[in-house]
Amino acid sequence: MAGLKRKEPILKVKWILNIFLLLIRRPALWPIAIKQIFRIAKNGWFHTFPFLPLPSKDFFDFRILTYQGNESDLPDAEVVIAWLSWATDLKKMKT
């Protein structure tokens, strides 16, 4: 149908899969990863399809833009794992 634009997904499946595969080998990061998923999820995510705790497009674009200066490229999966590791270490230092 003309006039209907197909929405581009916020998060790329391949990118998420790469993070998941790296994360599977680091069980110590699982709790912080789950916590961060729900922390960045948009409010009321469970009321809208696809019923997954995904961030809003605006928030995600802002985070990517402030991280690397352009919102068109996602960070490497290894960078996300390093960030989760940093967040875990930070939490340990606070306790």
Foldseek 3Di string as FASTA:
>chain_A
DPPDDDDDDLDDPVQVVQLVVVVVVPVVLVVLVVVVLQVQFDPPLCVDPPNGRHHDSVVQQVVQCVVPVGSPDDDHSVVVVVVSVVVSVVVVVVD
